[in-house]
Amino acid sequence: MMLIDPQGEGQARGNILFYSIKGPGSMHAPLIVSLGVGLGVGFLAQRSRFCTMEAFRDLILFRQSHLFLGVLSLTITAFIMNLILNQFHPGFIGQPVAHTMQIWNFAGMVLAGLAFALAGGCPGRQLFLAGEGDGDAAVFVSGMIVGAGFAHNFGLASLPNGVGPNGIAAVVIGLAACLFIGFTMRKTV
């Protein structure tokens, strides 16, 4: 059975999972290349303690730029590679699976940042820690995977023509939940 979504990207239905058969969701790198690059980047990130949130914390609070230089070099490298590959499109227009509802783009990123701060670090760092055997980080990574499934199956994820049907409610509820957790579970000195 073939389902066609509102954006015109085909989706096929298996017994349990939906999967894309065209568009950005269907693209992937060859397995060997993906594994090689993933292991290389993971090794370098683990050895350097790469974490974007810690980088800004250390820069602002302790005036240490070691981790921030990693974030800066990653940003510059990504910018140069996007220019070389002719994939640089400033703003939201021309981006794959992006919409131009700026307030909800911003609010969604505020929610993501707040959730990552409450969890103790950026998602990349949590992946590296899970690979090292950290149980809390493994729960975090499992939550990201389950959350992605919920977002795409229950209309929470954004679409190129705007916020998903339940996306605004999810952002508001998520912000309220994170603020409640942050204010009620803080340690008093």
Protein backbone atom coordinates (compact mmCIF):
# COMPACT_ATOMS: atom_id res chain seq x y z
CA MET A 1 0.00 0.00 0.00
CA MET A 2 1.43 3.41 -0.96
CA LEU A 3 0.64 6.48 1.11
CA ILE A 4 1.29 9.96 -0.26
CA ASP A 5 1.89 12.70 2.28
CA PRO A 6 0.88 16.35 1.74
CA GLN A 7 4.37 17.29 0.53
CA GLY A 8 4.29 14.74 -2.27
CA GLU A 9 6.98 12.49 -0.81
CA GLY A 10 6.08 8.83 -1.10
CA GLN A 11 5.89 6.72 2.02
CA ALA A 12 5.63 2.97 2.05
CA ARG A 13 4.00 1.06 4.87
CA GLY A 14 5.53 -2.11 6.21
CA ASN A 15 3.91 -4.32 8.83
CA ILE A 16 4.99 -1.99 11.63
CA LEU A 17 7.05 0.92 10.30
CA PHE A 18 6.51 3.71 7.79
CA TYR A 19 9.51 4.57 5.66
CA SER A 20 10.27 7.07 2.92
CA ILE A 21 10.80 5.89 -0.62
CA LYS A 22 11.73 9.32 -2.02
CA GLY A 23 12.80 12.72 -0.69
CA PRO A 24 15.36 13.51 2.06
CA GLY A 25 14.10 10.74 4.36
CA SER A 26 14.98 8.08 1.80
CA MET A 27 18.59 9.17 1.26
CA HIS A 28 21.51 7.48 2.97
CA ALA A 29 25.23 7.02 2.57
CA PRO A 30 26.75 3.61 1.76
CA LEU A 31 27.00 1.43 4.88
CA ILE A 32 30.81 1.13 4.96
CA VAL A 33 31.28 4.89 4.47
CA SER A 34 28.71 5.64 7.20
CA LEU A 35 30.35 3.26 9.66
CA GLY A 36 33.86 4.52 8.89
CA VAL A 37 33.00 8.20 9.18
CA GLY A 38 30.82 7.59 12.26
CA LEU A 39 33.58 5.69 14.06
CA GLY A 40 36.16 8.34 13.14
CA VAL A 41 34.03 11.27 14.27
CA GLY A 42 32.94 9.38 17.39
CA PHE A 43 36.56 8.60 18.33
CA LEU A 44 37.65 12.23 17.87
CA ALA A 45 34.61 13.61 19.73
CA GLN A 46 35.05 11.17 22.61
CA ARG A 47 38.77 11.87 22.96
CA SER A 48 38.26 15.64 22.88
CA ARG A 49 35.17 15.60 25.19
CA PHE A 50 33.25 17.46 22.48
CA CYS A 51 30.01 19.00 23.75
CA THR A 52 28.48 22.21 22.45
CA MET A 53 26.75 23.04 25.74
CA GLU A 54 29.93 22.56 27.78
CA ALA A 55 31.83 24.64 25.23
CA PHE A 56 29.62 27.68 25.80
CA ARG A 57 29.50 27.09 29.55
CA ASP A 58 33.30 26.95 29.80
CA LEU A 59 33.71 30.00 27.57
CA ILE A 60 31.21 32.14 29.49
CA LEU A 61 31.82 31.01 33.08
CA PHE A 62 35.48 30.01 33.10
CA ARG A 63 36.92 31.89 30.08
CA GLN A 64 38.32 28.60 28.73
CA SER A 65 38.15 28.25 24.96
CA HIS A 66 39.37 24.64 24.47
CA LEU A 67 35.92 23.14 23.79
CA PHE A 68 34.63 26.25 22.05
CA LEU A 69 37.45 26.01 19.49
CA GLY A 70 36.08 22.57 18.59
CA VAL A 71 32.59 23.99 18.06
CA LEU A 72 34.04 26.84 16.02
CA SER A 73 36.10 24.48 13.84
CA LEU A 74 33.07 22.23 13.29
CA THR A 75 30.97 25.25 12.25
CA ILE A 76 33.63 26.56 9.86
CA THR A 77 34.21 23.11 8.34
CA ALA A 78 30.47 22.55 7.83
CA PHE A 79 30.14 26.01 6.25
CA ILE A 80 33.03 25.39 3.85
CA MET A 81 31.78 21.91 2.90
CA ASN A 82 28.27 23.24 2.24
CA LEU A 83 29.75 25.93 0.00
CA ILE A 84 31.87 23.37 -1.86
CA LEU A 85 28.92 21.00 -2.32
CA ASN A 86 26.62 23.89 -3.32
CA GLN A 87 24.27 23.09 -0.42
CA PHE A 88 24.47 26.43 1.39
CA HIS A 89 21.10 28.17 1.66
CA PRO A 90 20.91 30.89 4.34
CA GLY A 91 17.62 31.09 6.20
CA PHE A 92 14.76 28.62 6.15
CA ILE A 93 13.89 28.93 2.45
CA GLY A 94 15.44 26.21 0.31
CA GLN A 95 16.20 23.90 3.23
CA PRO A 96 15.03 20.28 3.06
CA VAL A 97 11.95 19.68 5.20
CA ALA A 98 11.93 23.22 6.65
CA HIS A 99 9.15 25.75 7.11
CA THR A 100 9.20 29.52 7.54
CA MET A 101 7.17 29.85 10.75
CA GLN A 102 10.07 31.47 12.65
CA ILE A 103 8.40 31.73 16.06
CA TRP A 104 7.82 27.97 16.16
CA ASN A 105 11.32 27.24 14.84
CA PHE A 106 12.68 29.36 17.70
CA ALA A 107 10.32 27.92 20.33
CA GLY A 108 11.16 24.36 19.28
CA MET A 109 14.88 25.04 19.60
CA VAL A 110 14.34 26.69 23.00
CA LEU A 111 12.54 23.53 24.10
CA ALA A 112 15.32 21.32 22.73
CA GLY A 113 18.03 23.39 24.44
CA LEU A 114 16.17 23.42 27.74
CA ALA A 115 15.63 19.66 27.61
CA PHE A 116 19.31 19.07 26.81
CA ALA A 117 20.38 21.35 29.66
CA LEU A 118 18.14 19.43 32.07
CA ALA A 119 19.55 16.14 30.77
CA GLY A 120 23.11 17.27 31.38
CA GLY A 121 24.49 17.83 27.89
CA CYS A 122 23.96 17.99 24.19
CA PRO A 123 22.66 14.94 22.30
CA GLY A 124 26.04 14.27 20.69
CA ARG A 125 27.75 14.05 24.05
CA GLN A 126 24.99 11.76 25.31
CA LEU A 127 25.64 9.44 22.35
CA PHE A 128 29.35 9.32 23.16
CA LEU A 129 28.66 8.67 26.84
CA ALA A 130 26.19 5.90 25.97
CA GLY A 131 28.90 4.31 23.85
CA GLU A 132 31.20 4.41 26.88
CA GLY A 133 28.60 2.54 28.94
CA ASP A 134 26.90 5.39 30.82
CA GLY A 135 23.42 4.08 31.71
CA ASP A 136 21.85 7.54 32.13
CA ALA A 137 23.08 8.55 28.68
CA ALA A 138 21.74 5.29 27.21
CA VAL A 139 18.29 6.13 28.62
CA PHE A 140 18.61 9.63 27.09
CA VAL A 141 19.50 8.16 23.67
CA SER A 142 16.61 5.69 23.90
CA GLY A 143 14.32 8.61 24.72
CA MET A 144 15.55 10.49 21.63
CA ILE A 145 14.76 7.51 19.43
CA VAL A 146 11.30 6.97 20.95
CA GLY A 147 10.64 10.72 20.83
CA ALA A 148 11.48 10.85 17.12
CA GLY A 149 9.03 8.01 16.52
CA PHE A 150 6.30 9.83 18.45
CA ALA A 151 6.99 13.12 16.66
CA HIS A 152 6.70 11.61 13.21
CA ASN A 153 3.78 9.28 13.89
CA PHE A 154 1.55 11.64 15.88
CA GLY A 155 1.81 14.86 13.86
CA LEU A 156 4.29 16.62 16.16
CA ALA A 157 7.14 17.01 13.65
CA SER A 158 7.21 20.00 11.34
CA LEU A 159 6.47 19.75 7.65
CA PRO A 160 7.79 21.91 4.78
CA ASN A 161 4.46 23.74 4.62
CA GLY A 162 4.36 24.54 8.37
CA VAL A 163 4.19 23.16 11.86
CA GLY A 164 2.67 19.68 12.20
CA PRO A 165 -0.99 19.45 13.24
CA ASN A 166 -0.11 18.82 16.89
CA GLY A 167 3.28 20.53 16.92
CA ILE A 168 2.30 23.79 18.60
CA ALA A 169 0.56 22.00 21.46
CA ALA A 170 3.56 19.69 21.87
CA VAL A 171 5.98 22.64 22.10
CA VAL A 172 3.82 24.45 24.67
CA ILE A 173 3.34 21.29 26.78
CA GLY A 174 7.05 20.43 26.45
CA LEU A 175 8.13 23.90 27.59
CA ALA A 176 5.71 23.77 30.53
CA ALA A 177 6.94 20.30 31.55
CA CYS A 178 10.63 21.24 31.27
CA LEU A 179 10.13 24.47 33.23
CA PHE A 180 8.19 22.59 35.90
CA ILE A 181 10.94 19.96 36.19
CA GLY A 182 13.68 22.60 36.18
CA PHE A 183 12.14 24.73 38.92
CA THR A 184 10.89 21.92 41.17
CA MET A 185 13.90 19.60 40.97
CA ARG A 186 16.68 22.12 41.48
CA LYS A 187 19.10 21.74 44.33
CA THR A 188 18.96 24.40 47.01
CA VAL A 189 22.25 25.59 48.46
